[in-house]
Amino acid sequence: MPKTAETLMRSRYVAYVRENIPYLKETLWPKHQARFDAAGTARWAAENHWTGLRVLETAKGGPEDREGTVLFEARFLSGGSLGTHREKSRFRKKSGRWYYVEALAE
């Protein structure tokens, strides 16, 4: 079980690389899980060849925190073009476990 928001974010990136869609749903904030688009997420993960991850900034999200944010860039190859997904993600801890909540506007 990830101990920080950044560790959870990194494990979710790996889940996209490995197309582990159940893990992506399981680590999504519980109230959002019912609306999780497994088919769309699986398609997005499969259509891209993930080439790297860079964490640019973290705020809170440590073992003693209840919330945190992580700004990252995930690079991918899609249709012969290199792309970058840049996101500032919000994470929240519930019952000792970190979850992805949402993407925030920068």
N, C-alpha and C. Protein backbone atom coordinates (compact mmCIF):
# COMPACT_ATOMS: atom_id res chain seq x y z
N MET A 1 0.83 -1.17 0.00
CA MET A 1 0.00 0.00 0.00
C MET A 1 0.89 1.25 0.00
N PRO A 2 0.72 2.16 -0.99
CA PRO A 2 1.53 3.37 -1.05
C PRO A 2 1.42 4.21 0.22
N LYS A 3 2.56 4.74 0.67
CA LYS A 3 2.62 5.50 1.92
C LYS A 3 2.51 7.01 1.71
N THR A 4 2.66 7.47 0.44
CA THR A 4 2.56 8.89 0.16
C THR A 4 1.73 9.10 -1.11
N ALA A 5 1.29 10.34 -1.31
CA ALA A 5 0.54 10.67 -2.53
C ALA A 5 1.42 10.46 -3.76
N GLU A 6 2.69 10.84 -3.67
CA GLU A 6 3.58 10.67 -4.82
C GLU A 6 3.77 9.19 -5.16
N THR A 7 3.92 8.35 -4.15
CA THR A 7 4.08 6.92 -4.40
C THR A 7 2.83 6.35 -5.08
N LEU A 8 1.65 6.81 -4.64
CA LEU A 8 0.42 6.34 -5.28
C LEU A 8 0.37 6.82 -6.73
N MET A 9 0.73 8.08 -6.97
CA MET A 9 0.72 8.59 -8.33
C MET A 9 1.65 7.78 -9.22
N ARG A 10 2.84 7.46 -8.72
CA ARG A 10 3.79 6.65 -9.50
C ARG A 10 3.22 5.25 -9.77
N SER A 11 2.56 4.66 -8.78
CA SER A 11 2.00 3.31 -8.98
C SER A 11 0.84 3.35 -9.98
N ARG A 12 0.12 4.45 -10.02
CA ARG A 12 -0.96 4.58 -11.01
C ARG A 12 -0.37 4.73 -12.42
N TYR A 13 0.74 5.43 -12.55
CA TYR A 13 1.42 5.52 -13.85
C TYR A 13 1.80 4.11 -14.33
N VAL A 14 2.39 3.33 -13.44
CA VAL A 14 2.77 1.95 -13.78
C VAL A 14 1.53 1.15 -14.18
N ALA A 15 0.42 1.40 -13.51
CA ALA A 15 -0.82 0.69 -13.86
C ALA A 15 -1.26 1.04 -15.28
N TYR A 16 -1.08 2.29 -15.70
CA TYR A 16 -1.38 2.64 -17.10
C TYR A 16 -0.43 1.90 -18.04
N VAL A 17 0.85 1.86 -17.71
CA VAL A 17 1.84 1.18 -18.54
C VAL A 17 1.47 -0.30 -18.70
N ARG A 18 1.08 -0.92 -17.61
CA ARG A 18 0.77 -2.36 -17.61
C ARG A 18 -0.70 -2.66 -17.91
N GLU A 19 -1.47 -1.60 -18.15
CA GLU A 19 -2.91 -1.72 -18.44
C GLU A 19 -3.65 -2.45 -17.31
N ASN A 20 -3.30 -2.11 -16.09
CA ASN A 20 -3.92 -2.68 -14.90
C ASN A 20 -5.11 -1.81 -14.51
N ILE A 21 -6.20 -1.94 -15.24
CA ILE A 21 -7.37 -1.09 -15.08
C ILE A 21 -8.05 -1.31 -13.71
N PRO A 22 -8.14 -2.53 -13.20
CA PRO A 22 -8.74 -2.70 -11.86
C PRO A 22 -8.01 -1.89 -10.78
N TYR A 23 -6.67 -1.80 -10.87
CA TYR A 23 -5.93 -1.02 -9.88
C TYR A 23 -6.27 0.46 -9.98
N LEU A 24 -6.43 0.96 -11.21
CA LEU A 24 -6.78 2.36 -11.39
C LEU A 24 -8.14 2.67 -10.76
N LYS A 25 -9.08 1.76 -10.90
CA LYS A 25 -10.39 1.96 -10.27
C LYS A 25 -10.28 1.87 -8.75
N GLU A 26 -9.57 0.89 -8.28
CA GLU A 26 -9.42 0.64 -6.84
C GLU A 26 -8.74 1.81 -6.12
N THR A 27 -7.87 2.54 -6.80
CA THR A 27 -7.15 3.65 -6.17
C THR A 27 -7.80 5.01 -6.45
N LEU A 28 -8.97 4.98 -7.07
CA LEU A 28 -9.76 6.19 -7.30
C LEU A 28 -10.60 6.46 -6.05
N TRP A 29 -10.77 7.74 -5.71
CA TRP A 29 -11.56 8.11 -4.53
C TRP A 29 -12.89 7.36 -4.56
N PRO A 30 -13.28 6.69 -3.47
CA PRO A 30 -14.44 5.80 -3.47
C PRO A 30 -15.72 6.37 -4.08
N LYS A 31 -16.04 7.62 -3.85
CA LYS A 31 -17.30 8.15 -4.40
C LYS A 31 -17.27 8.29 -5.92
N HIS A 32 -16.08 8.25 -6.53
CA HIS A 32 -15.96 8.35 -7.99
C HIS A 32 -15.90 6.97 -8.67
N GLN A 33 -15.74 5.90 -7.90
CA GLN A 33 -15.55 4.58 -8.49
C GLN A 33 -16.75 4.09 -9.30
N ALA A 34 -17.96 4.44 -8.88
CA ALA A 34 -19.15 3.97 -9.60
C ALA A 34 -19.22 4.54 -11.02
N ARG A 35 -18.64 5.73 -11.23
CA ARG A 35 -18.66 6.37 -12.55
C ARG A 35 -17.38 6.12 -13.35
N PHE A 36 -16.51 5.28 -12.84
CA PHE A 36 -15.24 4.99 -13.52
C PHE A 36 -15.50 4.35 -14.87
N ASP A 37 -14.90 4.90 -15.92
CA ASP A 37 -15.06 4.38 -17.28
C ASP A 37 -13.93 3.39 -17.57
N ALA A 38 -14.14 2.14 -17.21
CA ALA A 38 -13.11 1.12 -17.37
C ALA A 38 -12.75 0.92 -18.84
N ALA A 39 -13.74 0.89 -19.70
CA ALA A 39 -13.47 0.67 -21.13
C ALA A 39 -12.68 1.83 -21.73
N GLY A 40 -13.07 3.05 -21.41
CA GLY A 40 -12.35 4.23 -21.92
C GLY A 40 -10.94 4.31 -21.38
N THR A 41 -10.78 3.98 -20.11
CA THR A 41 -9.46 4.00 -19.49
C THR A 41 -8.57 2.92 -20.11
N ALA A 42 -9.13 1.75 -20.34
CA ALA A 42 -8.38 0.66 -20.96
C ALA A 42 -7.95 1.05 -22.37
N ARG A 43 -8.83 1.71 -23.10
CA ARG A 43 -8.51 2.14 -24.46
C ARG A 43 -7.37 3.16 -24.43
N TRP A 44 -7.46 4.16 -23.54
CA TRP A 44 -6.41 5.19 -23.41
C TRP A 44 -5.07 4.55 -23.05
N ALA A 45 -5.08 3.61 -22.12
CA ALA A 45 -3.84 2.95 -21.71
C ALA A 45 -3.24 2.14 -22.85
N ALA A 46 -4.08 1.43 -23.59
CA ALA A 46 -3.60 0.55 -24.66
C ALA A 46 -3.15 1.30 -25.91
N GLU A 47 -3.78 2.43 -26.20
CA GLU A 47 -3.48 3.17 -27.43
C GLU A 47 -2.16 3.94 -27.35
N ASN A 48 -1.60 4.03 -26.16
CA ASN A 48 -0.38 4.81 -25.99
C ASN A 48 0.75 3.93 -25.50
N HIS A 49 1.94 4.24 -25.99
CA HIS A 49 3.15 3.59 -25.50
C HIS A 49 3.79 4.57 -24.53
N TRP A 50 3.71 4.25 -23.25
CA TRP A 50 4.18 5.16 -22.20
C TRP A 50 5.71 5.13 -22.14
N THR A 51 6.34 6.31 -22.20
CA THR A 51 7.79 6.38 -22.32
C THR A 51 8.51 7.01 -21.13
N GLY A 52 7.78 7.55 -20.17
CA GLY A 52 8.46 8.11 -19.01
C GLY A 52 7.59 8.98 -18.16
N LEU A 53 8.05 9.19 -16.94
CA LEU A 53 7.32 9.97 -15.95
C LEU A 53 8.30 10.90 -15.26
N ARG A 54 7.90 12.14 -15.08
CA ARG A 54 8.68 13.12 -14.31
C ARG A 54 7.77 13.77 -13.28
N VAL A 55 8.15 13.68 -12.02
CA VAL A 55 7.44 14.40 -10.97
C VAL A 55 8.07 15.78 -10.89
N LEU A 56 7.25 16.81 -11.04
CA LEU A 56 7.74 18.18 -11.07
C LEU A 56 7.61 18.88 -9.72
N GLU A 57 6.59 18.49 -8.97
CA GLU A 57 6.34 19.17 -7.69
C GLU A 57 5.37 18.36 -6.85
N THR A 58 5.61 18.35 -5.56
CA THR A 58 4.65 17.75 -4.63
C THR A 58 4.38 18.76 -3.52
N ALA A 59 3.16 18.74 -3.01
CA ALA A 59 2.78 19.59 -1.88
C ALA A 59 2.00 18.71 -0.91
N LYS A 60 2.51 18.64 0.29
CA LYS A 60 1.94 17.75 1.31
C LYS A 60 1.93 16.32 0.75
N GLY A 61 0.97 15.52 1.18
CA GLY A 61 0.90 14.15 0.67
C GLY A 61 1.85 13.18 1.31
N GLY A 62 2.43 13.55 2.45
CA GLY A 62 3.35 12.66 3.15
C GLY A 62 2.62 11.68 4.05
N PRO A 63 3.35 10.81 4.71
CA PRO A 63 2.73 9.78 5.56
C PRO A 63 1.81 10.33 6.65
N GLU A 64 2.08 11.53 7.14
CA GLU A 64 1.25 12.10 8.21
C GLU A 64 0.14 13.01 7.69
N ASP A 65 0.11 13.28 6.39
CA ASP A 65 -0.89 14.18 5.81
C ASP A 65 -2.16 13.43 5.43
N ARG A 66 -3.23 14.19 5.22
CA ARG A 66 -4.50 13.60 4.76
C ARG A 66 -4.79 13.97 3.32
N GLU A 67 -4.11 14.99 2.82
CA GLU A 67 -4.29 15.43 1.44
C GLU A 67 -2.94 15.82 0.87
N GLY A 68 -2.87 15.86 -0.45
CA GLY A 68 -1.65 16.30 -1.11
C GLY A 68 -1.88 16.46 -2.60
N THR A 69 -0.93 17.13 -3.24
CA THR A 69 -0.99 17.28 -4.69
C THR A 69 0.36 16.88 -5.29
N VAL A 70 0.29 16.40 -6.53
CA VAL A 70 1.49 16.03 -7.27
C VAL A 70 1.34 16.57 -8.68
N LEU A 71 2.32 17.36 -9.10
CA LEU A 71 2.38 17.84 -10.48
C LEU A 71 3.35 16.94 -11.23
N PHE A 72 2.90 16.39 -12.34
CA PHE A 72 3.74 15.45 -13.08
C PHE A 72 3.55 15.60 -14.58
N GLU A 73 4.50 15.02 -15.31
CA GLU A 73 4.40 14.88 -16.75
C GLU A 73 4.63 13.42 -17.10
N ALA A 74 3.69 12.85 -17.83
CA ALA A 74 3.83 11.48 -18.33
C ALA A 74 3.99 11.58 -19.86
N ARG A 75 5.07 11.01 -20.37
CA ARG A 75 5.33 11.06 -21.80
C ARG A 75 4.85 9.76 -22.46
N PHE A 76 4.35 9.90 -23.68
CA PHE A 76 3.82 8.75 -24.39
C PHE A 76 3.97 8.93 -25.89
N LEU A 77 3.97 7.81 -26.58
CA LEU A 77 4.01 7.77 -28.03
C LEU A 77 2.64 7.31 -28.50
N SER A 78 2.03 8.09 -29.38
CA SER A 78 0.70 7.76 -29.88
C SER A 78 0.63 8.08 -31.37
N GLY A 79 0.36 7.08 -32.18
CA GLY A 79 0.26 7.30 -33.61
C GLY A 79 1.51 7.88 -34.23
N GLY A 80 2.66 7.52 -33.69
CA GLY A 80 3.93 8.00 -34.23
C GLY A 80 4.35 9.36 -33.70
N SER A 81 3.56 9.97 -32.83
CA SER A 81 3.90 11.28 -32.28
C SER A 81 4.14 11.17 -30.78
N LEU A 82 5.12 11.93 -30.32
CA LEU A 82 5.42 11.98 -28.89
C LEU A 82 4.51 13.01 -28.24
N GLY A 83 3.86 12.61 -27.14
CA GLY A 83 2.97 13.52 -26.43
C GLY A 83 3.34 13.58 -24.96
N THR A 84 2.80 14.58 -24.29
CA THR A 84 3.02 14.74 -22.86
C THR A 84 1.68 15.02 -22.19
N HIS A 85 1.39 14.24 -21.17
CA HIS A 85 0.21 14.49 -20.34
C HIS A 85 0.73 15.16 -19.07
N ARG A 86 0.39 16.43 -18.87
CA ARG A 86 0.82 17.19 -17.69
C ARG A 86 -0.40 17.39 -16.82
N GLU A 87 -0.26 17.06 -15.54
CA GLU A 87 -1.41 17.15 -14.65
C GLU A 87 -0.96 17.45 -13.23
N LYS A 88 -1.76 18.26 -12.56
CA LYS A 88 -1.61 18.45 -11.12
C LYS A 88 -2.75 17.66 -10.50
N SER A 89 -2.41 16.59 -9.81
CA SER A 89 -3.40 15.66 -9.25
C SER A 89 -3.59 15.91 -7.76
N ARG A 90 -4.82 15.77 -7.34
CA ARG A 90 -5.16 15.88 -5.91
C ARG A 90 -5.39 14.48 -5.36
N PHE A 91 -4.79 14.21 -4.22
CA PHE A 91 -4.90 12.92 -3.54
C PHE A 91 -5.43 13.14 -2.13
N ARG A 92 -6.12 12.14 -1.62
CA ARG A 92 -6.66 12.20 -0.27
C ARG A 92 -6.50 10.84 0.38
N LYS A 93 -6.25 10.87 1.68
CA LYS A 93 -6.09 9.63 2.44
C LYS A 93 -7.35 9.38 3.26
N LYS A 94 -7.79 8.12 3.24
CA LYS A 94 -8.96 7.69 4.01
C LYS A 94 -8.63 6.36 4.65
N SER A 95 -8.84 6.25 5.94
CA SER A 95 -8.56 5.02 6.68
C SER A 95 -7.14 4.52 6.42
N GLY A 96 -6.19 5.46 6.36
CA GLY A 96 -4.79 5.10 6.18
C GLY A 96 -4.37 4.78 4.76
N ARG A 97 -5.27 4.96 3.80
CA ARG A 97 -4.98 4.60 2.41
C ARG A 97 -5.14 5.80 1.48
N TRP A 98 -4.17 5.99 0.59
CA TRP A 98 -4.21 7.09 -0.36
C TRP A 98 -5.07 6.75 -1.58
N TYR A 99 -5.77 7.78 -2.08
CA TYR A 99 -6.61 7.66 -3.28
C TYR A 99 -6.38 8.87 -4.17
N TYR A 100 -6.52 8.65 -5.48
CA TYR A 100 -6.54 9.74 -6.45
C TYR A 100 -7.94 10.33 -6.42
N VAL A 101 -8.03 11.68 -6.32
CA VAL A 101 -9.33 12.34 -6.25
C VAL A 101 -9.69 12.99 -7.58
N GLU A 102 -8.78 13.85 -8.09
CA GLU A 102 -9.12 14.59 -9.31
C GLU A 102 -7.90 15.31 -9.84
N ALA A 103 -8.04 15.75 -11.10
CA ALA A 103 -7.05 16.63 -11.71
C ALA A 103 -7.46 18.06 -11.39
N LEU A 104 -6.47 18.88 -11.04
CA LEU A 104 -6.72 20.28 -10.72
C LEU A 104 -6.21 21.16 -11.85
N ALA A 105 -6.84 22.31 -12.03
CA ALA A 105 -6.35 23.28 -13.02
C ALA A 105 -5.07 23.91 -12.48
N GLU A 106 -4.12 24.12 -13.34
CA GLU A 106 -2.86 24.75 -12.91
C GLU A 106 -2.97 26.25 -12.92
